[in-house]
């Protein structure tokens, strides 16, 4: 199975991820489209001196589109030429 993703979608993903990393103090190297959030129940061991089990701290049934995320974060989405 393959999924087609437009260049706009990839560019917008990058812009939104960059803003999230900045605002939340995330790992600046972990914002590319291939990355996903850490899975609950798995050991986070990037820093061997500070390992911990990933867990869910808040759960919601809310779903957001790229446009909604961009608007909430103040990210301007512009179509690629």
PDB file of N, CA and C in Angstrom:
ATOM      1  N   UNK A   1       0.844  -1.176   0.000  1.00  0.00           N
ATOM      2  CA  UNK A   1       0.000   0.000   0.000  1.00  0.00           C
ATOM      3  C   UNK A   1       0.886   1.235   0.000  1.00  0.00           C
ATOM      4  N   UNK A   2       0.545   2.189  -0.819  1.00  0.00           N
ATOM      5  CA  UNK A   2       1.287   3.445  -0.815  1.00  0.00           C
ATOM      6  C   UNK A   2       0.311   4.603  -0.693  1.00  0.00           C
ATOM      7  N   UNK A   3       0.808   5.675  -0.130  1.00  0.00           N
ATOM      8  CA  UNK A   3      -0.004   6.872   0.054  1.00  0.00           C
ATOM      9  C   UNK A   3       0.709   8.016  -0.639  1.00  0.00           C
ATOM     10  N   UNK A   4      -0.011   8.741  -1.465  1.00  0.00           N
ATOM     11  CA  UNK A   4       0.570   9.913  -2.127  1.00  0.00           C
ATOM     12  C   UNK A   4       0.413  11.129  -1.220  1.00  0.00           C
ATOM     13  N   UNK A   5       1.513  11.817  -1.042  1.00  0.00           N
ATOM     14  CA  UNK A   5       1.504  13.017  -0.212  1.00  0.00           C
ATOM     15  C   UNK A   5       2.031  14.159  -1.055  1.00  0.00           C
ATOM     16  N   UNK A   6       1.282  15.241  -1.114  1.00  0.00           N
ATOM     17  CA  UNK A   6       1.695  16.381  -1.934  1.00  0.00           C
ATOM     18  C   UNK A   6       2.876  17.104  -1.301  1.00  0.00           C
ATOM     19  N   UNK A   7       3.599  17.861  -2.118  1.00  0.00           N
ATOM     20  CA  UNK A   7       4.727  18.636  -1.598  1.00  0.00           C
ATOM     21  C   UNK A   7       4.235  19.690  -0.615  1.00  0.00           C
ATOM     22  N   UNK A   8       3.001  20.196  -0.829  1.00  0.00           N
ATOM     23  CA  UNK A   8       2.426  21.149   0.120  1.00  0.00           C
ATOM     24  C   UNK A   8       2.267  20.493   1.490  1.00  0.00           C
ATOM     25  N   UNK A   9       1.730  19.278   1.496  1.00  0.00           N
ATOM     26  CA  UNK A   9       1.518  18.566   2.761  1.00  0.00           C
ATOM     27  C   UNK A   9       2.827  18.385   3.505  1.00  0.00           C
ATOM     28  N   UNK A  10       3.889  18.000   2.810  1.00  0.00           N
ATOM     29  CA  UNK A  10       5.196  17.813   3.452  1.00  0.00           C
ATOM     30  C   UNK A  10       5.746  19.123   3.984  1.00  0.00           C
ATOM     31  N   UNK A  11       5.632  20.181   3.198  1.00  0.00           N
ATOM     32  CA  UNK A  11       6.133  21.496   3.636  1.00  0.00           C
ATOM     33  C   UNK A  11       5.348  21.983   4.848  1.00  0.00           C
ATOM     34  N   UNK A  12       4.035  21.793   4.818  1.00  0.00           N
ATOM     35  CA  UNK A  12       3.208  22.232   5.933  1.00  0.00           C
ATOM     36  C   UNK A  12       3.507  21.414   7.183  1.00  0.00           C
ATOM     37  N   UNK A  13       3.721  20.107   7.007  1.00  0.00           N
ATOM     38  CA  UNK A  13       4.082  19.251   8.143  1.00  0.00           C
ATOM     39  C   UNK A  13       5.362  19.773   8.793  1.00  0.00           C
ATOM     40  N   UNK A  14       6.356  20.092   7.978  1.00  0.00           N
ATOM     41  CA  UNK A  14       7.632  20.587   8.492  1.00  0.00           C
ATOM     42  C   UNK A  14       7.443  21.889   9.261  1.00  0.00           C
ATOM     43  N   UNK A  15       6.636  22.792   8.731  1.00  0.00           N
ATOM     44  CA  UNK A  15       6.407  24.077   9.390  1.00  0.00           C
ATOM     45  C   UNK A  15       5.708  23.894  10.737  1.00  0.00           C
ATOM     46  N   UNK A  16       4.714  23.027  10.771  1.00  0.00           N
ATOM     47  CA  UNK A  16       3.974  22.769  12.010  1.00  0.00           C
ATOM     48  C   UNK A  16       4.866  22.075  13.029  1.00  0.00           C
ATOM     49  N   UNK A  17       5.620  21.065  12.597  1.00  0.00           N
ATOM     50  CA  UNK A  17       6.521  20.349  13.504  1.00  0.00           C
ATOM     51  C   UNK A  17       7.583  21.280  14.078  1.00  0.00           C
ATOM     52  N   UNK A  18       8.142  22.154  13.240  1.00  0.00           N
ATOM     53  CA  UNK A  18       9.156  23.094  13.699  1.00  0.00           C
ATOM     54  C   UNK A  18       8.588  23.986  14.801  1.00  0.00           C
ATOM     55  N   UNK A  19       7.376  24.468  14.608  1.00  0.00           N
ATOM     56  CA  UNK A  19       6.744  25.321  15.618  1.00  0.00           C
ATOM     57  C   UNK A  19       6.466  24.547  16.900  1.00  0.00           C
ATOM     58  N   UNK A  20       6.005  23.304  16.780  1.00  0.00           N
ATOM     59  CA  UNK A  20       5.764  22.487  17.972  1.00  0.00           C
ATOM     60  C   UNK A  20       7.059  22.226  18.740  1.00  0.00           C
ATOM     61  N   UNK A  21       8.124  21.896  18.026  1.00  0.00           N
ATOM     62  CA  UNK A  21       9.420  21.652  18.667  1.00  0.00           C
ATOM     63  C   UNK A  21       9.877  22.900  19.418  1.00  0.00           C
ATOM     64  N   UNK A  22       9.721  24.055  18.783  1.00  0.00           N
ATOM     65  CA  UNK A  22      10.132  25.313  19.407  1.00  0.00           C
ATOM     66  C   UNK A  22       9.309  25.599  20.660  1.00  0.00           C
ATOM     67  N   UNK A  23       8.008  25.504  20.539  1.00  0.00           N
ATOM     68  CA  UNK A  23       7.127  25.835  21.665  1.00  0.00           C
ATOM     69  C   UNK A  23       7.218  24.850  22.821  1.00  0.00           C
ATOM     70  N   UNK A  24       7.403  23.572  22.506  1.00  0.00           N
ATOM     71  CA  UNK A  24       7.394  22.548  23.549  1.00  0.00           C
ATOM     72  C   UNK A  24       8.787  22.128  24.003  1.00  0.00           C
ATOM     73  N   UNK A  25       9.820  22.723  23.390  1.00  0.00           N
ATOM     74  CA  UNK A  25      11.189  22.378  23.775  1.00  0.00           C
ATOM     75  C   UNK A  25      11.570  20.971  23.357  1.00  0.00           C
ATOM     76  N   UNK A  26      11.048  20.540  22.214  1.00  0.00           N
ATOM     77  CA  UNK A  26      11.314  19.180  21.729  1.00  0.00           C
ATOM     78  C   UNK A  26      12.677  19.021  21.092  1.00  0.00           C
ATOM     79  N   UNK A  27      12.965  17.810  20.684  1.00  0.00           N
ATOM     80  CA  UNK A  27      14.224  17.473  20.032  1.00  0.00           C
ATOM     81  C   UNK A  27      14.223  18.049  18.617  1.00  0.00           C
ATOM     82  N   UNK A  28      15.107  18.984  18.358  1.00  0.00           N
ATOM     83  CA  UNK A  28      15.163  19.657  17.053  1.00  0.00           C
ATOM     84  C   UNK A  28      15.530  18.701  15.919  1.00  0.00           C
ATOM     85  N   UNK A  29      16.096  17.557  16.244  1.00  0.00           N
ATOM     86  CA  UNK A  29      16.465  16.574  15.221  1.00  0.00           C
ATOM     87  C   UNK A  29      15.360  15.560  14.952  1.00  0.00           C
ATOM     88  N   UNK A  30      14.260  15.666  15.664  1.00  0.00           N
ATOM     89  CA  UNK A  30      13.193  14.668  15.532  1.00  0.00           C
ATOM     90  C   UNK A  30      11.901  15.296  15.027  1.00  0.00           C
ATOM     91  N   UNK A  31      11.998  16.061  13.964  1.00  0.00           N
ATOM     92  CA  UNK A  31      10.795  16.724  13.457  1.00  0.00           C
ATOM     93  C   UNK A  31      10.498  16.396  11.999  1.00  0.00           C
ATOM     94  N   UNK A  32      11.218  15.447  11.435  1.00  0.00           N
ATOM     95  CA  UNK A  32      10.969  15.096  10.038  1.00  0.00           C
ATOM     96  C   UNK A  32       9.720  14.220   9.915  1.00  0.00           C
ATOM     97  N   UNK A  33       9.239  14.085   8.688  1.00  0.00           N
ATOM     98  CA  UNK A  33       7.970  13.407   8.433  1.00  0.00           C
ATOM     99  C   UNK A  33       8.002  11.917   8.805  1.00  0.00           C
ATOM    100  N   UNK A  34       9.168  11.321   8.891  1.00  0.00           N
ATOM    101  CA  UNK A  34       9.276   9.893   9.226  1.00  0.00           C
ATOM    102  C   UNK A  34       9.134   9.625  10.715  1.00  0.00           C
ATOM    103  N   UNK A  35       9.199  10.648  11.515  1.00  0.00           N
ATOM    104  CA  UNK A  35       9.143  10.460  12.968  1.00  0.00           C
ATOM    105  C   UNK A  35       7.708  10.422  13.457  1.00  0.00           C
ATOM    106  N   UNK A  36       7.495   9.669  14.497  1.00  0.00           N
ATOM    107  CA  UNK A  36       6.195   9.634  15.163  1.00  0.00           C
ATOM    108  C   UNK A  36       6.426   9.860  16.646  1.00  0.00           C
ATOM    109  N   UNK A  37       5.374  10.143  17.350  1.00  0.00           N
ATOM    110  CA  UNK A  37       5.491  10.309  18.794  1.00  0.00           C
ATOM    111  C   UNK A  37       5.915   8.985  19.428  1.00  0.00           C
ATOM    112  N   UNK A  38       6.527   9.077  20.566  1.00  0.00           N
ATOM    113  CA  UNK A  38       6.930   7.859  21.261  1.00  0.00           C
ATOM    114  C   UNK A  38       5.689   7.066  21.680  1.00  0.00           C
ATOM    115  N   UNK A  39       5.778   5.771  21.579  1.00  0.00           N
ATOM    116  CA  UNK A  39       4.652   4.899  21.881  1.00  0.00           C
ATOM    117  C   UNK A  39       4.579   4.632  23.379  1.00  0.00           C
ATOM    118  N   UNK A  40       3.398   4.838  23.989  1.00  0.00           N
ATOM    119  CA  UNK A  40       3.243   4.575  25.427  1.00  0.00           C
ATOM    120  C   UNK A  40       3.620   3.137  25.776  1.00  0.00           C
ATOM    121  N   UNK A  41       4.298   2.991  26.908  1.00  0.00           N
ATOM    122  CA  UNK A  41       4.702   1.669  27.379  1.00  0.00           C
ATOM    123  C   UNK A  41       6.113   1.293  26.981  1.00  0.00           C
ATOM    124  N   UNK A  42       6.719   2.056  26.079  1.00  0.00           N
ATOM    125  CA  UNK A  42       8.077   1.757  25.645  1.00  0.00           C
ATOM    126  C   UNK A  42       9.095   2.593  26.412  1.00  0.00           C
ATOM    127  N   UNK A  43      10.273   2.059  26.563  1.00  0.00           N
ATOM    128  CA  UNK A  43      11.339   2.725  27.289  1.00  0.00           C
ATOM    129  C   UNK A  43      11.988   3.809  26.437  1.00  0.00           C
ATOM    130  N   UNK A  44      12.012   5.024  26.966  1.00  0.00           N
ATOM    131  CA  UNK A  44      12.708   6.133  26.303  1.00  0.00           C
ATOM    132  C   UNK A  44      14.127   6.129  26.868  1.00  0.00           C
ATOM    133  N   UNK A  45      15.099   5.913  26.012  1.00  0.00           N
ATOM    134  CA  UNK A  45      16.465   5.798  26.515  1.00  0.00           C
ATOM    135  C   UNK A  45      17.463   6.622  25.710  1.00  0.00           C
ATOM    136  N   UNK A  46      17.010   7.764  25.205  1.00  0.00           N
ATOM    137  CA  UNK A  46      17.937   8.626  24.467  1.00  0.00           C
ATOM    138  C   UNK A  46      19.067   9.081  25.392  1.00  0.00           C
ATOM    139  N   UNK A  47      18.719   9.403  26.629  1.00  0.00           N
ATOM    140  CA  UNK A  47      19.727   9.767  27.627  1.00  0.00           C
ATOM    141  C   UNK A  47      19.848   8.590  28.588  1.00  0.00           C
ATOM    142  N   UNK A  48      20.911   7.803  28.475  1.00  0.00           N
ATOM    143  CA  UNK A  48      21.044   6.601  29.311  1.00  0.00           C
ATOM    144  C   UNK A  48      21.014   6.873  30.814  1.00  0.00           C
ATOM    145  N   UNK A  49      21.302   8.113  31.217  1.00  0.00           N
ATOM    146  CA  UNK A  49      21.284   8.437  32.649  1.00  0.00           C
ATOM    147  C   UNK A  49      19.891   8.841  33.137  1.00  0.00           C
ATOM    148  N   UNK A  50      18.950   8.959  32.199  1.00  0.00           N
ATOM    149  CA  UNK A  50      17.608   9.402  32.564  1.00  0.00           C
ATOM    150  C   UNK A  50      16.553   8.643  31.754  1.00  0.00           C
ATOM    151  N   UNK A  51      16.530   7.326  31.885  1.00  0.00           N
ATOM    152  CA  UNK A  51      15.566   6.496  31.153  1.00  0.00           C
ATOM    153  C   UNK A  51      14.209   6.531  31.846  1.00  0.00           C
ATOM    154  N   UNK A  52      13.156   6.396  31.039  1.00  0.00           N
ATOM    155  CA  UNK A  52      11.815   6.338  31.616  1.00  0.00           C
ATOM    156  C   UNK A  52      10.861   5.660  30.645  1.00  0.00           C
ATOM    157  N   UNK A  53       9.767   5.157  31.187  1.00  0.00           N
ATOM    158  CA  UNK A  53       8.714   4.537  30.379  1.00  0.00           C
ATOM    159  C   UNK A  53       7.810   5.657  29.868  1.00  0.00           C
ATOM    160  N   UNK A  54       7.563   5.662  28.563  1.00  0.00           N
ATOM    161  CA  UNK A  54       6.662   6.657  27.978  1.00  0.00           C
ATOM    162  C   UNK A  54       5.233   6.355  28.415  1.00  0.00           C
ATOM    163  N   UNK A  55       4.480   7.408  28.684  1.00  0.00           N
ATOM    164  CA  UNK A  55       3.103   7.221  29.123  1.00  0.00           C
ATOM    165  C   UNK A  55       2.221   8.332  28.571  1.00  0.00           C
ATOM    166  N   UNK A  56       0.941   8.083  28.548  1.00  0.00           N
ATOM    167  CA  UNK A  56      -0.032   9.082  28.130  1.00  0.00           C
ATOM    168  C   UNK A  56      -0.354   9.952  29.339  1.00  0.00           C
ATOM    169  N   UNK A  57      -0.221  11.269  29.174  1.00  0.00           N
ATOM    170  CA  UNK A  57      -0.541  12.173  30.276  1.00  0.00           C
ATOM    171  C   UNK A  57      -1.874  12.879  30.064  1.00  0.00           C
ATOM    172  N   UNK A  58      -2.383  12.848  28.836  1.00  0.00           N
ATOM    173  CA  UNK A  58      -3.691  13.421  28.546  1.00  0.00           C
ATOM    174  C   UNK A  58      -4.263  12.704  27.337  1.00  0.00           C
ATOM    175  N   UNK A  59      -5.524  12.386  27.401  1.00  0.00           N
ATOM    176  CA  UNK A  59      -6.168  11.683  26.297  1.00  0.00           C
ATOM    177  C   UNK A  59      -7.409  12.462  25.855  1.00  0.00           C
ATOM    178  N   UNK A  60      -7.591  12.552  24.553  1.00  0.00           N
ATOM    179  CA  UNK A  60      -8.732  13.279  24.005  1.00  0.00           C
ATOM    180  C   UNK A  60      -9.160  12.624  22.697  1.00  0.00           C
ATOM    181  N   UNK A  61     -10.427  12.737  22.389  1.00  0.00           N
ATOM    182  CA  UNK A  61     -10.909  12.205  21.116  1.00  0.00           C
ATOM    183  C   UNK A  61     -10.843  13.257  20.010  1.00  0.00           C
ATOM    184  N   UNK A  62     -10.345  14.442  20.330  1.00  0.00           N
ATOM    185  CA  UNK A  62     -10.259  15.531  19.352  1.00  0.00           C
ATOM    186  C   UNK A  62      -9.288  15.181  18.232  1.00  0.00           C
ATOM    187  N   UNK A  63      -9.620  15.592  17.016  1.00  0.00           N
ATOM    188  CA  UNK A  63      -8.761  15.410  15.846  1.00  0.00           C
ATOM    189  C   UNK A  63      -8.651  16.754  15.146  1.00  0.00           C
ATOM    190  N   UNK A  64      -7.472  17.068  14.626  1.00  0.00           N
ATOM    191  CA  UNK A  64      -7.244  18.356  13.993  1.00  0.00           C
ATOM    192  C   UNK A  64      -6.643  18.185  12.606  1.00  0.00           C
ATOM    193  N   UNK A  65      -7.029  19.041  11.693  1.00  0.00           N
ATOM    194  CA  UNK A  65      -6.445  19.047  10.356  1.00  0.00           C
ATOM    195  C   UNK A  65      -5.147  19.850  10.402  1.00  0.00           C
ATOM    196  N   UNK A  66      -4.364  19.750   9.317  1.00  0.00           N
ATOM    197  CA  UNK A  66      -3.153  20.570   9.236  1.00  0.00           C
ATOM    198  C   UNK A  66      -3.506  22.047   9.323  1.00  0.00           C
ATOM    199  N   UNK A  67      -4.560  22.443   8.634  1.00  0.00           N
ATOM    200  CA  UNK A  67      -4.961  23.849   8.641  1.00  0.00           C
ATOM    201  C   UNK A  67      -5.336  24.316  10.046  1.00  0.00           C
ATOM    202  N   UNK A  68      -6.040  23.483  10.798  1.00  0.00           N
ATOM    203  CA  UNK A  68      -6.411  23.844  12.165  1.00  0.00           C
ATOM    204  C   UNK A  68      -5.183  23.953  13.066  1.00  0.00           C
ATOM    205  N   UNK A  69      -4.255  23.019  12.914  1.00  0.00           N
ATOM    206  CA  UNK A  69      -3.016  23.081  13.696  1.00  0.00           C
ATOM    207  C   UNK A  69      -2.221  24.337  13.357  1.00  0.00           C
ATOM    208  N   UNK A  70      -2.099  24.619  12.073  1.00  0.00           N
ATOM    209  CA  UNK A  70      -1.344  25.793  11.638  1.00  0.00           C
ATOM    210  C   UNK A  70      -1.967  27.068  12.193  1.00  0.00           C
ATOM    211  N   UNK A  71      -3.281  27.164  12.123  1.00  0.00           N
ATOM    212  CA  UNK A  71      -3.961  28.359  12.626  1.00  0.00           C
ATOM    213  C   UNK A  71      -3.738  28.518  14.126  1.00  0.00           C
ATOM    214  N   UNK A  72      -3.867  27.438  14.876  1.00  0.00           N
ATOM    215  CA  UNK A  72      -3.687  27.491  16.326  1.00  0.00           C
ATOM    216  C   UNK A  72      -2.262  27.895  16.707  1.00  0.00           C
ATOM    217  N   UNK A  73      -1.287  27.497  15.884  1.00  0.00           N
ATOM    218  CA  UNK A  73       0.119  27.789  16.172  1.00  0.00           C
ATOM    219  C   UNK A  73       0.614  29.074  15.512  1.00  0.00           C
ATOM    220  N   UNK A  74      -0.232  29.679  14.680  1.00  0.00           N
ATOM    221  CA  UNK A  74       0.183  30.899  13.986  1.00  0.00           C
ATOM    222  C   UNK A  74       1.151  30.638  12.848  1.00  0.00           C
ATOM    223  N   UNK A  75       1.067  29.446  12.260  1.00  0.00           N
ATOM    224  CA  UNK A  75       1.941  29.072  11.138  1.00  0.00           C
ATOM    225  C   UNK A  75       1.208  29.366   9.842  1.00  0.00           C
ATOM    226  N   UNK A  76       1.857  30.099   8.942  1.00  0.00           N
ATOM    227  CA  UNK A  76       1.241  30.439   7.669  1.00  0.00           C
ATOM    228  C   UNK A  76       1.537  29.319   6.666  1.00  0.00           C
ATOM    229  N   UNK A  77       0.469  28.702   6.151  1.00  0.00           N
ATOM    230  CA  UNK A  77       0.606  27.640   5.155  1.00  0.00           C
ATOM    231  C   UNK A  77       0.471  28.245   3.773  1.00  0.00           C
ATOM    232  N   UNK A  78       1.531  28.136   2.989  1.00  0.00           N
ATOM    233  CA  UNK A  78       1.483  28.659   1.624  1.00  0.00           C
ATOM    234  C   UNK A  78       1.739  27.536   0.652  1.00  0.00           C
ATOM    235  N   UNK A  79       0.963  27.470  -0.427  1.00  0.00           N
ATOM    236  CA  UNK A  79       1.163  26.426  -1.429  1.00  0.00           C
ATOM    237  C   UNK A  79       2.560  26.534  -2.057  1.00  0.00           C
ATOM    238  N   UNK A  80       3.143  25.377  -2.350  1.00  0.00           N
ATOM    239  CA  UNK A  80       4.450  25.334  -3.006  1.00  0.00           C
ATOM    240  C   UNK A  80       4.272  25.604  -4.492  1.00  0.00           C
ATOM    241  N   UNK A  81       5.239  26.295  -5.099  1.00  0.00           N
ATOM    242  CA  UNK A  81       5.121  26.574  -6.553  1.00  0.00           C
ATOM    243  C   UNK A  81       5.231  25.322  -7.384  1.00  0.00           C
TER     244      UNK A  81
END
